[in-house]
Amino acid sequence: DAFATSPSRAAPHAPLLHYLYGAFVRDEQLGADAAEVAAGLSLLCAGSKSAKLAVAWELFDGDKWDGALSRRGLWRYLRSFLAVLLAVASLPDGEDDVADIVVDVVDDADDAAVALAATIFEETGCDDLIAFDDFADWYTEGGFRVASWLELLDLTKWVL
């Protein structure tokens, strides 16, 4: 049973899950944002890149349901995927200080997502909000050169 609750079955995965969760925590008092965790961890689930991007977009659109994200929303959207990719790419080997690695992942994901969101808004000509279709067009028309890491949302492209 994949969802067994016995401690002996859950224990081997606990450090990895704690580490991945830590990649989303920006403030120890507040914890992690549920939309960011859900979107980021969707990267590790089955499904196409397009489906994951679309579902995550809806998470960040929130209760507005207008299909558009603000600059901050786009930054959080991008950061959610980057946090998991960077965390997986920098898994500690047992000798490293996990806390230092997580801080680096959080900082690097923030910096990259802020810069990429600014680039996307500039290149699409959007002012305050960007629609999913505008984001998709940006990616298709050359954004894939800037954000090629989005291809890793398709798990078939991972070399394991």
N, C-alpha and C. Protein backbone atom coordinates (compact mmCIF):
# COMPACT_ATOMS: atom_id res chain seq x y z
N ASP A 1 0.85 -1.18 0.00
CA ASP A 1 0.00 0.00 0.00
C ASP A 1 0.89 1.25 0.00
N ALA A 2 0.78 2.06 -1.05
CA ALA A 2 1.63 3.24 -1.20
C ALA A 2 1.35 4.29 -0.12
N PHE A 3 0.18 4.25 0.49
CA PHE A 3 -0.18 5.27 1.48
C PHE A 3 -0.20 4.71 2.89
N ALA A 4 0.60 3.70 3.11
CA ALA A 4 0.68 3.09 4.44
C ALA A 4 1.10 4.11 5.47
N THR A 5 0.52 4.02 6.62
CA THR A 5 0.82 4.99 7.68
C THR A 5 1.80 4.45 8.71
N SER A 6 2.29 3.26 8.51
CA SER A 6 3.21 2.71 9.50
C SER A 6 4.50 3.53 9.49
N PRO A 7 5.00 3.84 10.69
CA PRO A 7 6.24 4.64 10.78
C PRO A 7 7.42 4.01 10.05
N SER A 8 7.48 2.68 10.05
CA SER A 8 8.62 2.03 9.40
C SER A 8 8.62 2.27 7.89
N ARG A 9 7.45 2.44 7.29
CA ARG A 9 7.36 2.69 5.84
C ARG A 9 7.53 4.17 5.53
N ALA A 10 7.07 5.03 6.42
CA ALA A 10 7.13 6.47 6.18
C ALA A 10 8.51 7.04 6.52
N ALA A 11 9.17 6.48 7.50
CA ALA A 11 10.42 7.02 8.00
C ALA A 11 11.50 7.23 6.95
N PRO A 12 11.71 6.31 6.01
CA PRO A 12 12.78 6.54 5.03
C PRO A 12 12.55 7.78 4.15
N HIS A 13 11.31 8.17 3.99
CA HIS A 13 11.00 9.31 3.12
C HIS A 13 10.91 10.63 3.88
N ALA A 14 10.83 10.56 5.19
CA ALA A 14 10.64 11.77 5.99
C ALA A 14 11.74 12.82 5.78
N PRO A 15 13.02 12.46 5.77
CA PRO A 15 14.04 13.50 5.55
C PRO A 15 13.91 14.19 4.19
N LEU A 16 13.62 13.42 3.15
CA LEU A 16 13.46 14.00 1.82
C LEU A 16 12.27 14.95 1.78
N LEU A 17 11.14 14.53 2.34
CA LEU A 17 9.95 15.38 2.35
C LEU A 17 10.18 16.64 3.18
N HIS A 18 10.86 16.49 4.30
CA HIS A 18 11.19 17.66 5.14
C HIS A 18 12.10 18.63 4.38
N TYR A 19 13.06 18.09 3.68
CA TYR A 19 13.98 18.89 2.87
C TYR A 19 13.24 19.63 1.76
N LEU A 20 12.37 18.93 1.03
CA LEU A 20 11.60 19.57 -0.05
C LEU A 20 10.68 20.65 0.51
N TYR A 21 10.02 20.36 1.62
CA TYR A 21 9.16 21.35 2.25
C TYR A 21 9.97 22.59 2.64
N GLY A 22 11.16 22.38 3.16
CA GLY A 22 12.02 23.49 3.55
C GLY A 22 12.34 24.44 2.41
N ALA A 23 12.33 23.95 1.18
CA ALA A 23 12.61 24.79 0.02
C ALA A 23 11.52 25.84 -0.20
N PHE A 24 10.38 25.68 0.47
CA PHE A 24 9.26 26.62 0.31
C PHE A 24 9.10 27.56 1.51
N VAL A 25 9.84 27.32 2.56
CA VAL A 25 9.67 28.11 3.79
C VAL A 25 10.56 29.35 3.72
N ARG A 26 9.92 30.50 3.69
CA ARG A 26 10.65 31.77 3.68
C ARG A 26 10.67 32.41 5.06
N ASP A 27 9.73 32.00 5.89
CA ASP A 27 9.62 32.54 7.24
C ASP A 27 9.22 31.38 8.15
N GLU A 28 10.08 31.05 9.11
CA GLU A 28 9.83 29.92 10.00
C GLU A 28 8.50 30.06 10.75
N GLN A 29 8.11 31.29 11.06
CA GLN A 29 6.87 31.51 11.81
C GLN A 29 5.63 31.27 10.95
N LEU A 30 5.73 31.56 9.66
CA LEU A 30 4.57 31.45 8.77
C LEU A 30 4.51 30.11 8.04
N GLY A 31 5.61 29.42 7.93
CA GLY A 31 5.63 28.15 7.20
C GLY A 31 5.65 28.38 5.70
N ALA A 32 5.12 27.43 4.97
CA ALA A 32 5.12 27.50 3.50
C ALA A 32 3.73 27.82 2.98
N ASP A 33 3.68 28.44 1.83
CA ASP A 33 2.42 28.76 1.18
C ASP A 33 1.89 27.49 0.49
N ALA A 34 0.64 27.15 0.76
CA ALA A 34 0.06 25.90 0.23
C ALA A 34 0.04 25.87 -1.29
N ALA A 35 -0.27 26.99 -1.94
CA ALA A 35 -0.31 27.02 -3.41
C ALA A 35 1.07 26.76 -3.99
N GLU A 36 2.10 27.33 -3.37
CA GLU A 36 3.46 27.12 -3.86
C GLU A 36 3.89 25.67 -3.67
N VAL A 37 3.57 25.09 -2.53
CA VAL A 37 3.94 23.69 -2.29
C VAL A 37 3.22 22.79 -3.28
N ALA A 38 1.92 23.00 -3.46
CA ALA A 38 1.15 22.16 -4.39
C ALA A 38 1.66 22.29 -5.81
N ALA A 39 1.89 23.51 -6.25
CA ALA A 39 2.37 23.72 -7.62
C ALA A 39 3.76 23.13 -7.79
N GLY A 40 4.64 23.40 -6.86
CA GLY A 40 6.01 22.91 -6.97
C GLY A 40 6.09 21.40 -6.95
N LEU A 41 5.37 20.78 -6.04
CA LEU A 41 5.43 19.32 -5.95
C LEU A 41 4.70 18.64 -7.10
N SER A 42 3.84 19.37 -7.81
CA SER A 42 3.19 18.79 -8.99
C SER A 42 4.23 18.41 -10.03
N LEU A 43 5.38 19.06 -9.97
CA LEU A 43 6.47 18.73 -10.87
C LEU A 43 6.83 17.26 -10.78
N LEU A 44 6.70 16.67 -9.60
CA LEU A 44 7.07 15.28 -9.37
C LEU A 44 5.94 14.30 -9.68
N CYS A 45 4.80 14.81 -10.14
CA CYS A 45 3.65 13.97 -10.44
C CYS A 45 3.58 13.66 -11.93
N ALA A 46 2.77 12.67 -12.26
CA ALA A 46 2.53 12.35 -13.67
C ALA A 46 1.76 13.49 -14.32
N GLY A 47 1.87 13.58 -15.63
CA GLY A 47 1.14 14.60 -16.37
C GLY A 47 2.08 15.38 -17.27
N SER A 48 1.49 16.04 -18.22
CA SER A 48 2.28 16.81 -19.18
C SER A 48 2.74 18.13 -18.57
N LYS A 49 3.75 18.70 -19.19
CA LYS A 49 4.23 20.02 -18.78
C LYS A 49 3.10 21.03 -18.88
N SER A 50 2.37 20.99 -19.98
CA SER A 50 1.28 21.95 -20.19
C SER A 50 0.20 21.84 -19.12
N ALA A 51 -0.16 20.61 -18.77
CA ALA A 51 -1.20 20.40 -17.76
C ALA A 51 -0.73 20.93 -16.40
N LYS A 52 0.52 20.67 -16.05
CA LYS A 52 1.05 21.14 -14.77
C LYS A 52 1.09 22.66 -14.72
N LEU A 53 1.52 23.27 -15.80
CA LEU A 53 1.58 24.73 -15.86
C LEU A 53 0.19 25.33 -15.73
N ALA A 54 -0.79 24.76 -16.42
CA ALA A 54 -2.15 25.29 -16.41
C ALA A 54 -2.80 25.15 -15.03
N VAL A 55 -2.65 23.99 -14.42
CA VAL A 55 -3.25 23.78 -13.09
C VAL A 55 -2.60 24.70 -12.06
N ALA A 56 -1.29 24.82 -12.12
CA ALA A 56 -0.59 25.70 -11.17
C ALA A 56 -1.02 27.15 -11.38
N TRP A 57 -1.23 27.56 -12.62
CA TRP A 57 -1.67 28.93 -12.91
C TRP A 57 -2.99 29.20 -12.18
N GLU A 58 -3.89 28.23 -12.21
CA GLU A 58 -5.18 28.39 -11.54
C GLU A 58 -5.00 28.52 -10.03
N LEU A 59 -4.02 27.80 -9.46
CA LEU A 59 -3.76 27.93 -8.03
C LEU A 59 -3.37 29.35 -7.65
N PHE A 60 -2.58 29.98 -8.48
CA PHE A 60 -2.10 31.33 -8.17
C PHE A 60 -3.08 32.42 -8.58
N ASP A 61 -4.00 32.07 -9.46
CA ASP A 61 -5.06 33.02 -9.83
C ASP A 61 -5.98 33.22 -8.64
N GLY A 62 -6.02 32.25 -7.77
CA GLY A 62 -6.79 32.36 -6.53
C GLY A 62 -8.28 32.48 -6.75
N ASP A 63 -8.90 33.32 -5.96
CA ASP A 63 -10.36 33.45 -6.03
C ASP A 63 -10.82 34.48 -7.06
N LYS A 64 -9.87 35.08 -7.77
CA LYS A 64 -10.25 36.08 -8.78
C LYS A 64 -10.84 35.43 -10.02
N TRP A 65 -10.28 34.28 -10.41
CA TRP A 65 -10.75 33.52 -11.57
C TRP A 65 -10.77 34.36 -12.85
N ASP A 66 -9.88 35.36 -12.93
CA ASP A 66 -9.82 36.15 -14.16
C ASP A 66 -8.76 35.62 -15.12
N GLY A 67 -8.03 34.59 -14.69
CA GLY A 67 -7.04 33.96 -15.56
C GLY A 67 -5.74 34.73 -15.68
N ALA A 68 -5.56 35.75 -14.87
CA ALA A 68 -4.35 36.58 -14.98
C ALA A 68 -3.61 36.62 -13.64
N LEU A 69 -2.29 36.74 -13.75
CA LEU A 69 -1.44 36.86 -12.57
C LEU A 69 -0.77 38.23 -12.55
N SER A 70 -0.59 38.74 -11.35
CA SER A 70 0.19 39.97 -11.17
C SER A 70 1.67 39.61 -11.29
N ARG A 71 2.53 40.60 -11.23
CA ARG A 71 3.97 40.34 -11.22
C ARG A 71 4.34 39.44 -10.04
N ARG A 72 3.78 39.75 -8.89
CA ARG A 72 4.05 38.95 -7.70
C ARG A 72 3.52 37.53 -7.88
N GLY A 73 2.35 37.41 -8.46
CA GLY A 73 1.78 36.09 -8.71
C GLY A 73 2.64 35.27 -9.66
N LEU A 74 3.14 35.91 -10.72
CA LEU A 74 4.00 35.20 -11.67
C LEU A 74 5.31 34.81 -11.01
N TRP A 75 5.84 35.69 -10.18
CA TRP A 75 7.08 35.38 -9.45
C TRP A 75 6.86 34.16 -8.55
N ARG A 76 5.77 34.12 -7.80
CA ARG A 76 5.48 32.98 -6.93
C ARG A 76 5.27 31.71 -7.73
N TYR A 77 4.59 31.82 -8.87
CA TYR A 77 4.33 30.70 -9.77
C TYR A 77 5.64 30.08 -10.25
N LEU A 78 6.53 30.91 -10.76
CA LEU A 78 7.82 30.43 -11.25
C LEU A 78 8.68 29.89 -10.11
N ARG A 79 8.66 30.59 -8.99
CA ARG A 79 9.46 30.18 -7.84
C ARG A 79 9.05 28.80 -7.33
N SER A 80 7.76 28.48 -7.41
CA SER A 80 7.30 27.18 -6.90
C SER A 80 7.96 26.03 -7.64
N PHE A 81 8.09 26.15 -8.96
CA PHE A 81 8.74 25.10 -9.74
C PHE A 81 10.25 25.12 -9.55
N LEU A 82 10.81 26.32 -9.53
CA LEU A 82 12.26 26.43 -9.34
C LEU A 82 12.70 25.87 -7.99
N ALA A 83 11.90 26.09 -6.96
CA ALA A 83 12.27 25.60 -5.63
C ALA A 83 12.46 24.09 -5.64
N VAL A 84 11.54 23.37 -6.29
CA VAL A 84 11.65 21.92 -6.32
C VAL A 84 12.81 21.49 -7.21
N LEU A 85 12.94 22.10 -8.37
CA LEU A 85 14.04 21.73 -9.27
C LEU A 85 15.40 21.95 -8.61
N LEU A 86 15.56 23.09 -7.98
CA LEU A 86 16.83 23.39 -7.32
C LEU A 86 17.06 22.48 -6.11
N ALA A 87 16.00 22.19 -5.38
CA ALA A 87 16.14 21.30 -4.22
C ALA A 87 16.54 19.90 -4.66
N VAL A 88 15.91 19.39 -5.70
CA VAL A 88 16.24 18.05 -6.19
C VAL A 88 17.66 18.04 -6.75
N ALA A 89 18.03 19.10 -7.45
CA ALA A 89 19.37 19.16 -8.05
C ALA A 89 20.47 19.29 -7.00
N SER A 90 20.12 19.75 -5.81
CA SER A 90 21.15 19.96 -4.78
C SER A 90 20.89 19.12 -3.53
N LEU A 91 20.31 17.94 -3.73
CA LEU A 91 20.07 17.04 -2.60
C LEU A 91 21.37 16.82 -1.83
N PRO A 92 21.31 16.95 -0.52
CA PRO A 92 22.52 16.75 0.28
C PRO A 92 22.97 15.29 0.22
N ASP A 93 24.27 15.10 0.29
CA ASP A 93 24.81 13.74 0.23
C ASP A 93 25.10 13.16 1.61
N GLY A 94 24.65 13.83 2.62
CA GLY A 94 24.85 13.33 3.97
C GLY A 94 25.92 14.09 4.73
N GLU A 95 26.88 14.66 4.01
CA GLU A 95 27.95 15.40 4.66
C GLU A 95 27.64 16.90 4.73
N ASP A 96 26.81 17.36 3.82
CA ASP A 96 26.50 18.78 3.75
C ASP A 96 25.51 19.18 4.85
N ASP A 97 25.55 20.45 5.20
CA ASP A 97 24.61 21.00 6.16
C ASP A 97 23.31 21.29 5.43
N VAL A 98 22.28 20.53 5.71
CA VAL A 98 21.00 20.64 5.03
C VAL A 98 20.43 22.05 5.16
N ALA A 99 20.55 22.64 6.34
CA ALA A 99 19.98 23.98 6.56
C ALA A 99 20.61 25.00 5.61
N ASP A 100 21.92 24.93 5.41
CA ASP A 100 22.59 25.86 4.50
C ASP A 100 22.15 25.64 3.05
N ILE A 101 21.98 24.39 2.68
CA ILE A 101 21.56 24.09 1.31
C ILE A 101 20.16 24.63 1.06
N VAL A 102 19.25 24.43 2.03
CA VAL A 102 17.88 24.90 1.87
C VAL A 102 17.84 26.41 1.76
N VAL A 103 18.64 27.11 2.56
CA VAL A 103 18.70 28.58 2.47
C VAL A 103 19.16 29.00 1.09
N ASP A 104 20.18 28.33 0.56
CA ASP A 104 20.66 28.64 -0.78
C ASP A 104 19.58 28.39 -1.83
N VAL A 105 18.86 27.29 -1.71
CA VAL A 105 17.78 26.97 -2.66
C VAL A 105 16.71 28.05 -2.62
N VAL A 106 16.29 28.43 -1.42
CA VAL A 106 15.26 29.46 -1.28
C VAL A 106 15.72 30.77 -1.91
N ASP A 107 16.94 31.19 -1.59
CA ASP A 107 17.46 32.44 -2.13
C ASP A 107 17.62 32.39 -3.64
N ASP A 108 18.17 31.30 -4.16
CA ASP A 108 18.38 31.18 -5.60
C ASP A 108 17.05 31.13 -6.35
N ALA A 109 16.07 30.39 -5.81
CA ALA A 109 14.76 30.33 -6.46
C ALA A 109 14.10 31.70 -6.48
N ASP A 110 14.20 32.43 -5.36
CA ASP A 110 13.64 33.79 -5.31
C ASP A 110 14.28 34.69 -6.35
N ASP A 111 15.60 34.74 -6.35
CA ASP A 111 16.32 35.62 -7.28
C ASP A 111 16.01 35.31 -8.73
N ALA A 112 16.03 34.04 -9.07
CA ALA A 112 15.77 33.65 -10.47
C ALA A 112 14.33 33.93 -10.87
N ALA A 113 13.39 33.67 -9.98
CA ALA A 113 11.98 33.89 -10.30
C ALA A 113 11.65 35.37 -10.45
N VAL A 114 12.22 36.21 -9.60
CA VAL A 114 12.00 37.66 -9.71
C VAL A 114 12.54 38.17 -11.05
N ALA A 115 13.75 37.76 -11.39
CA ALA A 115 14.36 38.21 -12.65
C ALA A 115 13.57 37.70 -13.85
N LEU A 116 13.15 36.44 -13.82
CA LEU A 116 12.42 35.89 -14.95
C LEU A 116 11.05 36.53 -15.09
N ALA A 117 10.35 36.76 -13.99
CA ALA A 117 9.05 37.42 -14.05
C ALA A 117 9.17 38.81 -14.67
N ALA A 118 10.21 39.55 -14.28
CA ALA A 118 10.43 40.88 -14.86
C ALA A 118 10.67 40.79 -16.36
N THR A 119 11.47 39.81 -16.77
CA THR A 119 11.75 39.61 -18.19
C THR A 119 10.48 39.28 -18.96
N ILE A 120 9.67 38.41 -18.41
CA ILE A 120 8.43 38.00 -19.09
C ILE A 120 7.50 39.19 -19.23
N PHE A 121 7.31 39.96 -18.19
CA PHE A 121 6.44 41.13 -18.28
C PHE A 121 6.98 42.12 -19.32
N GLU A 122 8.28 42.31 -19.32
CA GLU A 122 8.88 43.25 -20.29
C GLU A 122 8.70 42.75 -21.72
N GLU A 123 9.01 41.48 -21.96
CA GLU A 123 8.97 40.95 -23.32
C GLU A 123 7.56 40.76 -23.86
N THR A 124 6.58 40.58 -22.98
CA THR A 124 5.19 40.44 -23.44
C THR A 124 4.49 41.78 -23.56
N GLY A 125 5.06 42.81 -22.97
CA GLY A 125 4.43 44.12 -23.00
C GLY A 125 3.26 44.23 -22.05
N CYS A 126 3.11 43.27 -21.16
CA CYS A 126 2.03 43.32 -20.17
C CYS A 126 2.42 44.33 -19.08
N ASP A 127 1.42 45.02 -18.57
CA ASP A 127 1.69 46.03 -17.54
C ASP A 127 1.59 45.46 -16.13
N ASP A 128 0.36 45.26 -15.66
CA ASP A 128 0.16 44.82 -14.29
C ASP A 128 -0.24 43.36 -14.16
N LEU A 129 -0.84 42.82 -15.21
CA LEU A 129 -1.32 41.44 -15.18
C LEU A 129 -0.91 40.71 -16.45
N ILE A 130 -0.73 39.40 -16.33
CA ILE A 130 -0.41 38.59 -17.50
C ILE A 130 -1.37 37.39 -17.52
N ALA A 131 -1.93 37.13 -18.68
CA ALA A 131 -2.83 35.99 -18.86
C ALA A 131 -2.00 34.74 -19.18
N PHE A 132 -2.57 33.58 -18.90
CA PHE A 132 -1.87 32.33 -19.18
C PHE A 132 -1.52 32.23 -20.66
N ASP A 133 -2.43 32.64 -21.53
CA ASP A 133 -2.17 32.57 -22.97
C ASP A 133 -0.98 33.45 -23.37
N ASP A 134 -0.84 34.62 -22.73
CA ASP A 134 0.31 35.48 -23.01
C ASP A 134 1.60 34.82 -22.55
N PHE A 135 1.54 34.18 -21.38
CA PHE A 135 2.71 33.46 -20.87
C PHE A 135 3.08 32.32 -21.83
N ALA A 136 2.07 31.56 -22.25
CA ALA A 136 2.31 30.43 -23.16
C ALA A 136 2.88 30.91 -24.49
N ASP A 137 2.35 32.00 -25.02
CA ASP A 137 2.87 32.56 -26.28
C ASP A 137 4.31 33.01 -26.11
N TRP A 138 4.60 33.67 -24.98
CA TRP A 138 5.98 34.11 -24.71
C TRP A 138 6.92 32.91 -24.73
N TYR A 139 6.53 31.83 -24.07
CA TYR A 139 7.38 30.65 -23.98
C TYR A 139 7.59 30.04 -25.37
N THR A 140 6.52 29.90 -26.12
CA THR A 140 6.58 29.28 -27.45
C THR A 140 7.40 30.11 -28.43
N GLU A 141 7.31 31.41 -28.31
CA GLU A 141 7.96 32.31 -29.27
C GLU A 141 9.39 32.68 -28.87
N GLY A 142 9.98 31.97 -27.98
CA GLY A 142 11.39 32.23 -27.64
C GLY A 142 11.71 32.16 -26.17
N GLY A 143 10.70 32.20 -25.31
CA GLY A 143 10.93 32.11 -23.88
C GLY A 143 11.57 30.80 -23.47
N PHE A 144 11.39 29.78 -24.31
CA PHE A 144 11.99 28.48 -24.02
C PHE A 144 13.51 28.58 -23.99
N ARG A 145 14.07 29.60 -24.63
CA ARG A 145 15.52 29.79 -24.58
C ARG A 145 15.96 30.35 -23.22
N VAL A 146 15.09 31.15 -22.63
CA VAL A 146 15.39 31.79 -21.34
C VAL A 146 15.04 30.88 -20.18
N ALA A 147 13.95 30.15 -20.32
CA ALA A 147 13.45 29.31 -19.23
C ALA A 147 13.36 27.85 -19.67
N SER A 148 14.45 27.35 -20.21
CA SER A 148 14.46 25.97 -20.71
C SER A 148 14.18 24.96 -19.60
N TRP A 149 14.43 25.33 -18.36
CA TRP A 149 14.18 24.45 -17.23
C TRP A 149 12.71 24.05 -17.12
N LEU A 150 11.80 24.84 -17.71
CA LEU A 150 10.38 24.46 -17.68
C LEU A 150 10.13 23.13 -18.38
N GLU A 151 11.01 22.76 -19.30
CA GLU A 151 10.87 21.47 -19.97
C GLU A 151 10.96 20.31 -18.97
N LEU A 152 11.59 20.54 -17.82
CA LEU A 152 11.73 19.49 -16.82
C LEU A 152 10.44 19.21 -16.06
N LEU A 153 9.39 19.97 -16.34
CA LEU A 153 8.08 19.63 -15.78
C LEU A 153 7.54 18.36 -16.42
N ASP A 154 8.12 17.99 -17.56
CA ASP A 154 7.80 16.72 -18.22
C ASP A 154 8.80 15.70 -17.72
N LEU A 155 8.35 14.82 -16.85
CA LEU A 155 9.26 13.85 -16.22
C LEU A 155 9.92 12.89 -17.21
N THR A 156 9.34 12.76 -18.40
CA THR A 156 9.98 11.88 -19.39
C THR A 156 11.30 12.46 -19.88
N LYS A 157 11.56 13.73 -19.60
CA LYS A 157 12.80 14.36 -20.03
C LYS A 157 13.90 14.28 -18.97
N TRP A 158 13.59 13.66 -17.84
CA TRP A 158 14.57 13.50 -16.78
C TRP A 158 15.44 12.29 -17.08
N VAL A 159 16.71 12.41 -16.82
CA VAL A 159 17.63 11.29 -16.95
C VAL A 159 17.90 10.79 -15.53
N LEU A 160 17.42 9.59 -15.26
CA LEU A 160 17.57 9.04 -13.90
C LEU A 160 18.51 7.86 -13.89
